[in-house]
Amino acid sequence: MSTRSYVAVKERLLDDRSAAALAETFKVLGDPTRVRILDALARAEVPVCDLADVLGLSQSAVSHQLRLLRSMRLVRSRRDGRHIYYVVDDDHIAKLFKQGLEHVQERR
């Protein structure tokens, strides 16, 4: 590698804080249950009770996973009466999920 390209690459590398945050995001996405939750929430806003039914999990288990996803800013919630509705936080998360799925499916 030439000195010039080495310097150009080094100047554009992620800083430690950004690298750690991105690695933590991918770590959270490394769980099949959370991936299934994100798949559902990328399609529609869903209350916890319906999400639990669709996934065949207890509301407690789904709530636990949603707390983690919310703390990582992957999903957001809103309350309507007794129900809490969740949806993917923003378009970036939906695109990341879609691209990851396309990558996995192209190898089949």
PDB file of N, CA and C in Angstrom:
ATOM      1  N   MET A   1       0.854  -1.175   0.000  1.00  0.00           N
ATOM      2  CA  MET A   1       0.000   0.000   0.000  1.00  0.00           C
ATOM      3  C   MET A   1       0.893   1.228   0.000  1.00  0.00           C
ATOM      4  N   SER A   2       0.568   2.191  -0.823  1.00  0.00           N
ATOM      5  CA  SER A   2       1.372   3.405  -0.871  1.00  0.00           C
ATOM      6  C   SER A   2       1.096   4.252   0.364  1.00  0.00           C
ATOM      7  N   THR A   3       2.045   5.090   0.692  1.00  0.00           N
ATOM      8  CA  THR A   3       1.915   5.950   1.862  1.00  0.00           C
ATOM      9  C   THR A   3       0.716   6.873   1.710  1.00  0.00           C
ATOM     10  N   ARG A   4       0.490   7.363   0.508  1.00  0.00           N
ATOM     11  CA  ARG A   4      -0.604   8.292   0.266  1.00  0.00           C
ATOM     12  C   ARG A   4      -1.967   7.624   0.529  1.00  0.00           C
ATOM     13  N   SER A   5      -2.156   6.412   0.013  1.00  0.00           N
ATOM     14  CA  SER A   5      -3.447   5.753   0.222  1.00  0.00           C
ATOM     15  C   SER A   5      -3.615   5.351   1.679  1.00  0.00           C
ATOM     16  N   TYR A   6      -2.536   4.980   2.340  1.00  0.00           N
ATOM     17  CA  TYR A   6      -2.601   4.630   3.763  1.00  0.00           C
ATOM     18  C   TYR A   6      -3.076   5.829   4.574  1.00  0.00           C
ATOM     19  N   VAL A   7      -2.522   6.998   4.312  1.00  0.00           N
ATOM     20  CA  VAL A   7      -2.899   8.213   5.036  1.00  0.00           C
ATOM     21  C   VAL A   7      -4.351   8.567   4.738  1.00  0.00           C
ATOM     22  N   ALA A   8      -4.777   8.453   3.480  1.00  0.00           N
ATOM     23  CA  ALA A   8      -6.154   8.782   3.115  1.00  0.00           C
ATOM     24  C   ALA A   8      -7.141   7.852   3.814  1.00  0.00           C
ATOM     25  N   VAL A   9      -6.817   6.565   3.882  1.00  0.00           N
ATOM     26  CA  VAL A   9      -7.695   5.609   4.558  1.00  0.00           C
ATOM     27  C   VAL A   9      -7.720   5.888   6.051  1.00  0.00           C
ATOM     28  N   LYS A  10      -6.571   6.091   6.630  1.00  0.00           N
ATOM     29  CA  LYS A  10      -6.489   6.311   8.077  1.00  0.00           C
ATOM     30  C   LYS A  10      -7.273   7.543   8.507  1.00  0.00           C
ATOM     31  N   GLU A  11      -7.254   8.591   7.691  1.00  0.00           N
ATOM     32  CA  GLU A  11      -7.971   9.820   8.035  1.00  0.00           C
ATOM     33  C   GLU A  11      -9.486   9.634   8.028  1.00  0.00           C
ATOM     34  N   ARG A  12      -9.985   8.651   7.276  1.00  0.00           N
ATOM     35  CA  ARG A  12     -11.429   8.451   7.158  1.00  0.00           C
ATOM     36  C   ARG A  12     -11.951   7.308   8.028  1.00  0.00           C
ATOM     37  N   LEU A  13     -11.096   6.657   8.775  1.00  0.00           N
ATOM     38  CA  LEU A  13     -11.544   5.555   9.629  1.00  0.00           C
ATOM     39  C   LEU A  13     -12.506   6.050  10.704  1.00  0.00           C
ATOM     40  N   LEU A  14     -13.387   5.167  11.101  1.00  0.00           N
ATOM     41  CA  LEU A  14     -14.308   5.491  12.193  1.00  0.00           C
ATOM     42  C   LEU A  14     -13.534   5.772  13.468  1.00  0.00           C
ATOM     43  N   ASP A  15     -14.032   6.718  14.240  1.00  0.00           N
ATOM     44  CA  ASP A  15     -13.431   6.940  15.556  1.00  0.00           C
ATOM     45  C   ASP A  15     -13.887   5.810  16.474  1.00  0.00           C
ATOM     46  N   ASP A  16     -13.221   5.646  17.588  1.00  0.00           N
ATOM     47  CA  ASP A  16     -13.503   4.543  18.506  1.00  0.00           C
ATOM     48  C   ASP A  16     -14.951   4.539  19.000  1.00  0.00           C
ATOM     49  N   ARG A  17     -15.483   5.698  19.293  1.00  0.00           N
ATOM     50  CA  ARG A  17     -16.847   5.790  19.812  1.00  0.00           C
ATOM     51  C   ARG A  17     -17.872   5.329  18.763  1.00  0.00           C
ATOM     52  N   SER A  18     -17.705   5.788  17.531  1.00  0.00           N
ATOM     53  CA  SER A  18     -18.624   5.388  16.453  1.00  0.00           C
ATOM     54  C   SER A  18     -18.508   3.897  16.160  1.00  0.00           C
ATOM     55  N   ALA A  19     -17.294   3.388  16.149  1.00  0.00           N
ATOM     56  CA  ALA A  19     -17.086   1.962  15.886  1.00  0.00           C
ATOM     57  C   ALA A  19     -17.752   1.116  16.970  1.00  0.00           C
ATOM     58  N   ALA A  20     -17.624   1.529  18.215  1.00  0.00           N
ATOM     59  CA  ALA A  20     -18.232   0.782  19.319  1.00  0.00           C
ATOM     60  C   ALA A  20     -19.758   0.831  19.230  1.00  0.00           C
ATOM     61  N   ALA A  21     -20.310   1.984  18.901  1.00  0.00           N
ATOM     62  CA  ALA A  21     -21.769   2.124  18.793  1.00  0.00           C
ATOM     63  C   ALA A  21     -22.320   1.274  17.650  1.00  0.00           C
ATOM     64  N   LEU A  22     -21.625   1.267  16.522  1.00  0.00           N
ATOM     65  CA  LEU A  22     -22.063   0.458  15.386  1.00  0.00           C
ATOM     66  C   LEU A  22     -21.960  -1.028  15.703  1.00  0.00           C
ATOM     67  N   ALA A  23     -20.874  -1.432  16.350  1.00  0.00           N
ATOM     68  CA  ALA A  23     -20.715  -2.836  16.738  1.00  0.00           C
ATOM     69  C   ALA A  23     -21.818  -3.258  17.705  1.00  0.00           C
ATOM     70  N   GLU A  24     -22.184  -2.391  18.621  1.00  0.00           N
ATOM     71  CA  GLU A  24     -23.260  -2.689  19.578  1.00  0.00           C
ATOM     72  C   GLU A  24     -24.600  -2.842  18.851  1.00  0.00           C
ATOM     73  N   THR A  25     -24.846  -2.009  17.853  1.00  0.00           N
ATOM     74  CA  THR A  25     -26.074  -2.129  17.059  1.00  0.00           C
ATOM     75  C   THR A  25     -26.130  -3.481  16.362  1.00  0.00           C
ATOM     76  N   PHE A  26     -25.035  -3.873  15.728  1.00  0.00           N
ATOM     77  CA  PHE A  26     -25.014  -5.164  15.047  1.00  0.00           C
ATOM     78  C   PHE A  26     -25.117  -6.322  16.039  1.00  0.00           C
ATOM     79  N   LYS A  27     -24.588  -6.147  17.227  1.00  0.00           N
ATOM     80  CA  LYS A  27     -24.703  -7.183  18.252  1.00  0.00           C
ATOM     81  C   LYS A  27     -26.170  -7.393  18.635  1.00  0.00           C
ATOM     82  N   VAL A  28     -26.890  -6.297  18.787  1.00  0.00           N
ATOM     83  CA  VAL A  28     -28.313  -6.387  19.126  1.00  0.00           C
ATOM     84  C   VAL A  28     -29.085  -7.067  17.993  1.00  0.00           C
ATOM     85  N   LEU A  29     -28.688  -6.815  16.769  1.00  0.00           N
ATOM     86  CA  LEU A  29     -29.344  -7.428  15.611  1.00  0.00           C
ATOM     87  C   LEU A  29     -28.959  -8.893  15.437  1.00  0.00           C
ATOM     88  N   GLY A  30     -28.061  -9.394  16.267  1.00  0.00           N
ATOM     89  CA  GLY A  30     -27.587 -10.769  16.163  1.00  0.00           C
ATOM     90  C   GLY A  30     -28.485 -11.805  16.818  1.00  0.00           C
ATOM     91  N   ASP A  31     -29.662 -11.409  17.245  1.00  0.00           N
ATOM     92  CA  ASP A  31     -30.582 -12.329  17.913  1.00  0.00           C
ATOM     93  C   ASP A  31     -31.794 -12.591  17.010  1.00  0.00           C
ATOM     94  N   PRO A  32     -32.108 -13.864  16.712  1.00  0.00           N
ATOM     95  CA  PRO A  32     -33.231 -14.165  15.814  1.00  0.00           C
ATOM     96  C   PRO A  32     -34.586 -13.624  16.281  1.00  0.00           C
ATOM     97  N   THR A  33     -34.831 -13.608  17.572  1.00  0.00           N
ATOM     98  CA  THR A  33     -36.104 -13.075  18.066  1.00  0.00           C
ATOM     99  C   THR A  33     -36.203 -11.587  17.778  1.00  0.00           C
ATOM    100  N   ARG A  34     -35.129 -10.864  18.027  1.00  0.00           N
ATOM    101  CA  ARG A  34     -35.146  -9.425  17.753  1.00  0.00           C
ATOM    102  C   ARG A  34     -35.256  -9.158  16.257  1.00  0.00           C
ATOM    103  N   VAL A  35     -34.650  -9.996  15.442  1.00  0.00           N
ATOM    104  CA  VAL A  35     -34.769  -9.839  13.985  1.00  0.00           C
ATOM    105  C   VAL A  35     -36.221 -10.038  13.558  1.00  0.00           C
ATOM    106  N   ARG A  36     -36.882 -11.027  14.124  1.00  0.00           N
ATOM    107  CA  ARG A  36     -38.292 -11.263  13.794  1.00  0.00           C
ATOM    108  C   ARG A  36     -39.163 -10.092  14.247  1.00  0.00           C
ATOM    109  N   ILE A  37     -38.850  -9.529  15.399  1.00  0.00           N
ATOM    110  CA  ILE A  37     -39.588  -8.364  15.883  1.00  0.00           C
ATOM    111  C   ILE A  37     -39.396  -7.193  14.930  1.00  0.00           C
ATOM    112  N   LEU A  38     -38.173  -6.945  14.531  1.00  0.00           N
ATOM    113  CA  LEU A  38     -37.900  -5.846  13.601  1.00  0.00           C
ATOM    114  C   LEU A  38     -38.577  -6.079  12.258  1.00  0.00           C
ATOM    115  N   ASP A  39     -38.618  -7.321  11.813  1.00  0.00           N
ATOM    116  CA  ASP A  39     -39.297  -7.636  10.558  1.00  0.00           C
ATOM    117  C   ASP A  39     -40.763  -7.215  10.646  1.00  0.00           C
ATOM    118  N   ALA A  40     -41.417  -7.569  11.718  1.00  0.00           N
ATOM    119  CA  ALA A  40     -42.828  -7.197  11.891  1.00  0.00           C
ATOM    120  C   ALA A  40     -42.995  -5.686  11.985  1.00  0.00           C
ATOM    121  N   LEU A  41     -42.114  -5.042  12.745  1.00  0.00           N
ATOM    122  CA  LEU A  41     -42.255  -3.604  12.973  1.00  0.00           C
ATOM    123  C   LEU A  41     -41.819  -2.765  11.786  1.00  0.00           C
ATOM    124  N   ALA A  42     -41.065  -3.350  10.863  1.00  0.00           N
ATOM    125  CA  ALA A  42     -40.713  -2.647   9.633  1.00  0.00           C
ATOM    126  C   ALA A  42     -41.908  -2.617   8.676  1.00  0.00           C
ATOM    127  N   ARG A  43     -42.875  -3.493   8.922  1.00  0.00           N
ATOM    128  CA  ARG A  43     -44.054  -3.593   8.058  1.00  0.00           C
ATOM    129  C   ARG A  43     -45.230  -2.762   8.559  1.00  0.00           C
ATOM    130  N   ALA A  44     -45.330  -2.594   9.886  1.00  0.00           N
ATOM    131  CA  ALA A  44     -46.468  -1.872  10.451  1.00  0.00           C
ATOM    132  C   ALA A  44     -46.215  -1.526  11.905  1.00  0.00           C
ATOM    133  N   GLU A  45     -46.980  -0.552  12.397  1.00  0.00           N
ATOM    134  CA  GLU A  45     -46.986  -0.241  13.821  1.00  0.00           C
ATOM    135  C   GLU A  45     -47.861  -1.291  14.500  1.00  0.00           C
ATOM    136  N   VAL A  46     -47.334  -1.931  15.541  1.00  0.00           N
ATOM    137  CA  VAL A  46     -48.019  -3.075  16.150  1.00  0.00           C
ATOM    138  C   VAL A  46     -47.992  -2.937  17.669  1.00  0.00           C
ATOM    139  N   PRO A  47     -49.136  -3.203  18.325  1.00  0.00           N
ATOM    140  CA  PRO A  47     -49.127  -3.204  19.790  1.00  0.00           C
ATOM    141  C   PRO A  47     -48.437  -4.466  20.315  1.00  0.00           C
ATOM    142  N   VAL A  48     -47.916  -4.382  21.509  1.00  0.00           N
ATOM    143  CA  VAL A  48     -47.164  -5.483  22.105  1.00  0.00           C
ATOM    144  C   VAL A  48     -47.984  -6.776  22.119  1.00  0.00           C
ATOM    145  N   CYS A  49     -49.253  -6.688  22.490  1.00  0.00           N
ATOM    146  CA  CYS A  49     -50.073  -7.906  22.583  1.00  0.00           C
ATOM    147  C   CYS A  49     -50.187  -8.608  21.234  1.00  0.00           C
ATOM    148  N   ASP A  50     -50.385  -7.858  20.156  1.00  0.00           N
ATOM    149  CA  ASP A  50     -50.484  -8.464  18.824  1.00  0.00           C
ATOM    150  C   ASP A  50     -49.138  -8.998  18.358  1.00  0.00           C
ATOM    151  N   LEU A  51     -48.084  -8.277  18.681  1.00  0.00           N
ATOM    152  CA  LEU A  51     -46.743  -8.725  18.318  1.00  0.00           C
ATOM    153  C   LEU A  51     -46.423 -10.054  18.989  1.00  0.00           C
ATOM    154  N   ALA A  52     -46.782 -10.182  20.240  1.00  0.00           N
ATOM    155  CA  ALA A  52     -46.574 -11.434  20.972  1.00  0.00           C
ATOM    156  C   ALA A  52     -47.343 -12.569  20.309  1.00  0.00           C
ATOM    157  N   ASP A  53     -48.591 -12.312  19.936  1.00  0.00           N
ATOM    158  CA  ASP A  53     -49.404 -13.343  19.270  1.00  0.00           C
ATOM    159  C   ASP A  53     -48.797 -13.756  17.938  1.00  0.00           C
ATOM    160  N   VAL A  54     -48.418 -12.801  17.137  1.00  0.00           N
ATOM    161  CA  VAL A  54     -47.859 -13.080  15.811  1.00  0.00           C
ATOM    162  C   VAL A  54     -46.584 -13.914  15.921  1.00  0.00           C
ATOM    163  N   LEU A  55     -45.764 -13.598  16.901  1.00  0.00           N
ATOM    164  CA  LEU A  55     -44.473 -14.278  17.044  1.00  0.00           C
ATOM    165  C   LEU A  55     -44.552 -15.548  17.891  1.00  0.00           C
ATOM    166  N   GLY A  56     -45.684 -15.770  18.542  1.00  0.00           N
ATOM    167  CA  GLY A  56     -45.824 -16.942  19.399  1.00  0.00           C
ATOM    168  C   GLY A  56     -44.986 -16.856  20.656  1.00  0.00           C
ATOM    169  N   LEU A  57     -44.879 -15.649  21.205  1.00  0.00           N
ATOM    170  CA  LEU A  57     -44.096 -15.411  22.419  1.00  0.00           C
ATOM    171  C   LEU A  57     -44.985 -14.786  23.481  1.00  0.00           C
ATOM    172  N   SER A  58     -44.520 -14.794  24.712  1.00  0.00           N
ATOM    173  CA  SER A  58     -45.262 -14.125  25.774  1.00  0.00           C
ATOM    174  C   SER A  58     -45.077 -12.615  25.643  1.00  0.00           C
ATOM    175  N   GLN A  59     -46.053 -11.860  26.170  1.00  0.00           N
ATOM    176  CA  GLN A  59     -45.926 -10.407  26.151  1.00  0.00           C
ATOM    177  C   GLN A  59     -44.707  -9.955  26.938  1.00  0.00           C
ATOM    178  N   SER A  60     -44.412 -10.669  27.998  1.00  0.00           N
ATOM    179  CA  SER A  60     -43.244 -10.344  28.811  1.00  0.00           C
ATOM    180  C   SER A  60     -41.955 -10.492  28.012  1.00  0.00           C
ATOM    181  N   ALA A  61     -41.834 -11.581  27.267  1.00  0.00           N
ATOM    182  CA  ALA A  61     -40.624 -11.814  26.459  1.00  0.00           C
ATOM    183  C   ALA A  61     -40.483 -10.755  25.375  1.00  0.00           C
ATOM    184  N   VAL A  62     -41.596 -10.417  24.738  1.00  0.00           N
ATOM    185  CA  VAL A  62     -41.569  -9.388  23.688  1.00  0.00           C
ATOM    186  C   VAL A  62     -41.226  -8.032  24.296  1.00  0.00           C
ATOM    187  N   SER A  63     -41.818  -7.700  25.423  1.00  0.00           N
ATOM    188  CA  SER A  63     -41.535  -6.419  26.083  1.00  0.00           C
ATOM    189  C   SER A  63     -40.064  -6.304  26.454  1.00  0.00           C
ATOM    190  N   HIS A  64     -39.488  -7.385  26.921  1.00  0.00           N
ATOM    191  CA  HIS A  64     -38.068  -7.396  27.277  1.00  0.00           C
ATOM    192  C   HIS A  64     -37.209  -7.063  26.051  1.00  0.00           C
ATOM    193  N   GLN A  65     -37.501  -7.701  24.938  1.00  0.00           N
ATOM    194  CA  GLN A  65     -36.736  -7.454  23.706  1.00  0.00           C
ATOM    195  C   GLN A  65     -36.967  -6.035  23.188  1.00  0.00           C
ATOM    196  N   LEU A  66     -38.198  -5.569  23.291  1.00  0.00           N
ATOM    197  CA  LEU A  66     -38.519  -4.215  22.819  1.00  0.00           C
ATOM    198  C   LEU A  66     -37.801  -3.148  23.644  1.00  0.00           C
ATOM    199  N   ARG A  67     -37.646  -3.388  24.952  1.00  0.00           N
ATOM    200  CA  ARG A  67     -36.897  -2.438  25.789  1.00  0.00           C
ATOM    201  C   ARG A  67     -35.472  -2.286  25.276  1.00  0.00           C
ATOM    202  N   LEU A  68     -34.861  -3.418  24.935  1.00  0.00           N
ATOM    203  CA  LEU A  68     -33.489  -3.377  24.413  1.00  0.00           C
ATOM    204  C   LEU A  68     -33.449  -2.669  23.061  1.00  0.00           C
ATOM    205  N   LEU A  69     -34.367  -3.008  22.174  1.00  0.00           N
ATOM    206  CA  LEU A  69     -34.406  -2.378  20.855  1.00  0.00           C
ATOM    207  C   LEU A  69     -34.667  -0.876  20.968  1.00  0.00           C
ATOM    208  N   ARG A  70     -35.514  -0.488  21.909  1.00  0.00           N
ATOM    209  CA  ARG A  70     -35.801   0.931  22.111  1.00  0.00           C
ATOM    210  C   ARG A  70     -34.577   1.661  22.673  1.00  0.00           C
ATOM    211  N   SER A  71     -33.868   1.014  23.585  1.00  0.00           N
ATOM    212  CA  SER A  71     -32.679   1.657  24.165  1.00  0.00           C
ATOM    213  C   SER A  71     -31.583   1.864  23.123  1.00  0.00           C
ATOM    214  N   MET A  72     -31.608   1.035  22.081  1.00  0.00           N
ATOM    215  CA  MET A  72     -30.629   1.173  20.993  1.00  0.00           C
ATOM    216  C   MET A  72     -31.158   2.072  19.867  1.00  0.00           C
ATOM    217  N   ARG A  73     -32.341   2.656  20.083  1.00  0.00           N
ATOM    218  CA  ARG A  73     -33.008   3.533  19.115  1.00  0.00           C
ATOM    219  C   ARG A  73     -33.314   2.834  17.794  1.00  0.00           C
ATOM    220  N   LEU A  74     -33.633   1.548  17.877  1.00  0.00           N
ATOM    221  CA  LEU A  74     -34.016   0.795  16.680  1.00  0.00           C
ATOM    222  C   LEU A  74     -35.526   0.789  16.495  1.00  0.00           C
ATOM    223  N   VAL A  75     -36.264   0.944  17.588  1.00  0.00           N
ATOM    224  CA  VAL A  75     -37.721   1.056  17.528  1.00  0.00           C
ATOM    225  C   VAL A  75     -38.160   2.227  18.405  1.00  0.00           C
ATOM    226  N   ARG A  76     -39.365   2.703  18.136  1.00  0.00           N
ATOM    227  CA  ARG A  76     -39.948   3.758  18.985  1.00  0.00           C
ATOM    228  C   ARG A  76     -41.359   3.327  19.356  1.00  0.00           C
ATOM    229  N   SER A  77     -41.870   3.930  20.407  1.00  0.00           N
ATOM    230  CA  SER A  77     -43.183   3.530  20.902  1.00  0.00           C
ATOM    231  C   SER A  77     -44.085   4.745  21.067  1.00  0.00           C
ATOM    232  N   ARG A  78     -45.375   4.432  21.126  1.00  0.00           N
ATOM    233  CA  ARG A  78     -46.364   5.451  21.487  1.00  0.00           C
ATOM    234  C   ARG A  78     -47.479   4.744  22.239  1.00  0.00           C
ATOM    235  N   ARG A  79     -48.031   5.442  23.199  1.00  0.00           N
ATOM    236  CA  ARG A  79     -49.108   4.885  24.024  1.00  0.00           C
ATOM    237  C   ARG A  79     -50.448   5.391  23.502  1.00  0.00           C
ATOM    238  N   ASP A  80     -51.396   4.470  23.436  1.00  0.00           N
ATOM    239  CA  ASP A  80     -52.770   4.817  23.081  1.00  0.00           C
ATOM    240  C   ASP A  80     -53.676   4.065  24.050  1.00  0.00           C
ATOM    241  N   GLY A  81     -54.098   4.760  25.081  1.00  0.00           N
ATOM    242  CA  GLY A  81     -54.893   4.107  26.123  1.00  0.00           C
ATOM    243  C   GLY A  81     -54.040   3.093  26.876  1.00  0.00           C
ATOM    244  N   ARG A  82     -54.511   1.847  26.914  1.00  0.00           N
ATOM    245  CA  ARG A  82     -53.779   0.797  27.632  1.00  0.00           C
ATOM    246  C   ARG A  82     -52.731   0.116  26.760  1.00  0.00           C
ATOM    247  N   HIS A  83     -52.714   0.418  25.478  1.00  0.00           N
ATOM    248  CA  HIS A  83     -51.806  -0.270  24.567  1.00  0.00           C
ATOM    249  C   HIS A  83     -50.599   0.591  24.225  1.00  0.00           C
ATOM    250  N   ILE A  84     -49.475  -0.083  24.069  1.00  0.00           N
ATOM    251  CA  ILE A  84     -48.261   0.581  23.598  1.00  0.00           C
ATOM    252  C   ILE A  84     -47.955   0.010  22.227  1.00  0.00           C
ATOM    253  N   TYR A  85     -47.837   0.903  21.254  1.00  0.00           N
ATOM    254  CA  TYR A  85     -47.564   0.525  19.868  1.00  0.00           C
ATOM    255  C   TYR A  85     -46.095   0.772  19.553  1.00  0.00           C
ATOM    256  N   TYR A  86     -45.510  -0.145  18.791  1.00  0.00           N
ATOM    257  CA  TYR A  86     -44.112  -0.032  18.390  1.00  0.00           C
ATOM    258  C   TYR A  86     -44.003  -0.037  16.881  1.00  0.00           C
ATOM    259  N   VAL A  87     -42.964   0.605  16.397  1.00  0.00           N
ATOM    260  CA  VAL A  87     -42.650   0.637  14.974  1.00  0.00           C
ATOM    261  C   VAL A  87     -41.137   0.852  14.853  1.00  0.00           C
ATOM    262  N   VAL A  88     -40.567   0.496  13.718  1.00  0.00           N
ATOM    263  CA  VAL A  88     -39.144   0.741  13.490  1.00  0.00           C
ATOM    264  C   VAL A  88     -38.907   2.245  13.627  1.00  0.00           C
ATOM    265  N   ASP A  89     -37.809   2.621  14.260  1.00  0.00           N
ATOM    266  CA  ASP A  89     -37.578   4.020  14.625  1.00  0.00           C
ATOM    267  C   ASP A  89     -37.521   4.965  13.437  1.00  0.00           C
ATOM    268  N   ASP A  90     -36.803   4.596  12.393  1.00  0.00           N
ATOM    269  CA  ASP A  90     -36.729   5.483  11.234  1.00  0.00           C
ATOM    270  C   ASP A  90     -36.366   4.695   9.977  1.00  0.00           C
ATOM    271  N   ASP A  91     -36.311   5.403   8.885  1.00  0.00           N
ATOM    272  CA  ASP A  91     -36.060   4.787   7.588  1.00  0.00           C
ATOM    273  C   ASP A  91     -34.675   4.138   7.516  1.00  0.00           C
ATOM    274  N   HIS A  92     -33.717   4.674   8.265  1.00  0.00           N
ATOM    275  CA  HIS A  92     -32.367   4.088   8.262  1.00  0.00           C
ATOM    276  C   HIS A  92     -32.398   2.641   8.743  1.00  0.00           C
ATOM    277  N   ILE A  93     -33.152   2.394   9.785  1.00  0.00           N
ATOM    278  CA  ILE A  93     -33.238   1.047  10.354  1.00  0.00           C
ATOM    279  C   ILE A  93     -33.941   0.117   9.373  1.00  0.00           C
ATOM    280  N   ALA A  94     -35.011   0.600   8.768  1.00  0.00           N
ATOM    281  CA  ALA A  94     -35.732  -0.221   7.783  1.00  0.00           C
ATOM    282  C   ALA A  94     -34.821  -0.567   6.608  1.00  0.00           C
ATOM    283  N   LYS A  95     -34.036   0.401   6.135  1.00  0.00           N
ATOM    284  CA  LYS A  95     -33.116   0.145   5.015  1.00  0.00           C
ATOM    285  C   LYS A  95     -32.013  -0.834   5.417  1.00  0.00           C
ATOM    286  N   LEU A  96     -31.464  -0.661   6.607  1.00  0.00           N
ATOM    287  CA  LEU A  96     -30.428  -1.560   7.095  1.00  0.00           C
ATOM    288  C   LEU A  96     -30.965  -2.986   7.152  1.00  0.00           C
ATOM    289  N   PHE A  97     -32.162  -3.140   7.685  1.00  0.00           N
ATOM    290  CA  PHE A  97     -32.794  -4.447   7.784  1.00  0.00           C
ATOM    291  C   PHE A  97     -33.026  -5.031   6.392  1.00  0.00           C
ATOM    292  N   LYS A  98     -33.565  -4.232   5.484  1.00  0.00           N
ATOM    293  CA  LYS A  98     -33.863  -4.697   4.124  1.00  0.00           C
ATOM    294  C   LYS A  98     -32.587  -5.111   3.390  1.00  0.00           C
ATOM    295  N   GLN A  99     -31.540  -4.312   3.499  1.00  0.00           N
ATOM    296  CA  GLN A  99     -30.284  -4.639   2.829  1.00  0.00           C
ATOM    297  C   GLN A  99     -29.647  -5.901   3.399  1.00  0.00           C
ATOM    298  N   GLY A 100     -29.710  -6.056   4.705  1.00  0.00           N
ATOM    299  CA  GLY A 100     -29.179  -7.268   5.326  1.00  0.00           C
ATOM    300  C   GLY A 100     -29.933  -8.496   4.856  1.00  0.00           C
ATOM    301  N   LEU A 101     -31.246  -8.391   4.765  1.00  0.00           N
ATOM    302  CA  LEU A 101     -32.069  -9.500   4.293  1.00  0.00           C
ATOM    303  C   LEU A 101     -31.768  -9.827   2.833  1.00  0.00           C
ATOM    304  N   GLU A 102     -31.628  -8.803   1.998  1.00  0.00           N
ATOM    305  CA  GLU A 102     -31.279  -9.031   0.587  1.00  0.00           C
ATOM    306  C   GLU A 102     -29.930  -9.718   0.470  1.00  0.00           C
ATOM    307  N   HIS A 103     -28.986  -9.330   1.277  1.00  0.00           N
ATOM    308  CA  HIS A 103     -27.659  -9.945   1.269  1.00  0.00           C
ATOM    309  C   HIS A 103     -27.748 -11.425   1.603  1.00  0.00           C
ATOM    310  N   VAL A 104     -28.516 -11.750   2.631  1.00  0.00           N
ATOM    311  CA  VAL A 104     -28.668 -13.146   3.059  1.00  0.00           C
ATOM    312  C   VAL A 104     -29.387 -13.962   1.993  1.00  0.00           C
ATOM    313  N   GLN A 105     -30.424 -13.395   1.418  1.00  0.00           N
ATOM    314  CA  GLN A 105     -31.230 -14.137   0.450  1.00  0.00           C
ATOM    315  C   GLN A 105     -30.542 -14.316  -0.902  1.00  0.00           C
ATOM    316  N   GLU A 106     -29.610 -13.451  -1.252  1.00  0.00           N
ATOM    317  CA  GLU A 106     -28.936 -13.587  -2.551  1.00  0.00           C
ATOM    318  C   GLU A 106     -27.974 -14.783  -2.572  1.00  0.00           C
ATOM    319  N   ARG A 107     -27.620 -15.283  -1.425  1.00  0.00           N
ATOM    320  CA  ARG A 107     -26.703 -16.428  -1.357  1.00  0.00           C
ATOM    321  C   ARG A 107     -27.423 -17.758  -1.450  1.00  0.00           C
ATOM    322  N   ARG A 108     -28.742 -17.737  -1.455  1.00  0.00           N
ATOM    323  CA  ARG A 108     -29.512 -18.989  -1.503  1.00  0.00           C
ATOM    324  C   ARG A 108     -29.610 -19.514  -2.895  1.00  0.00           C
TER     325      ARG A 108
END
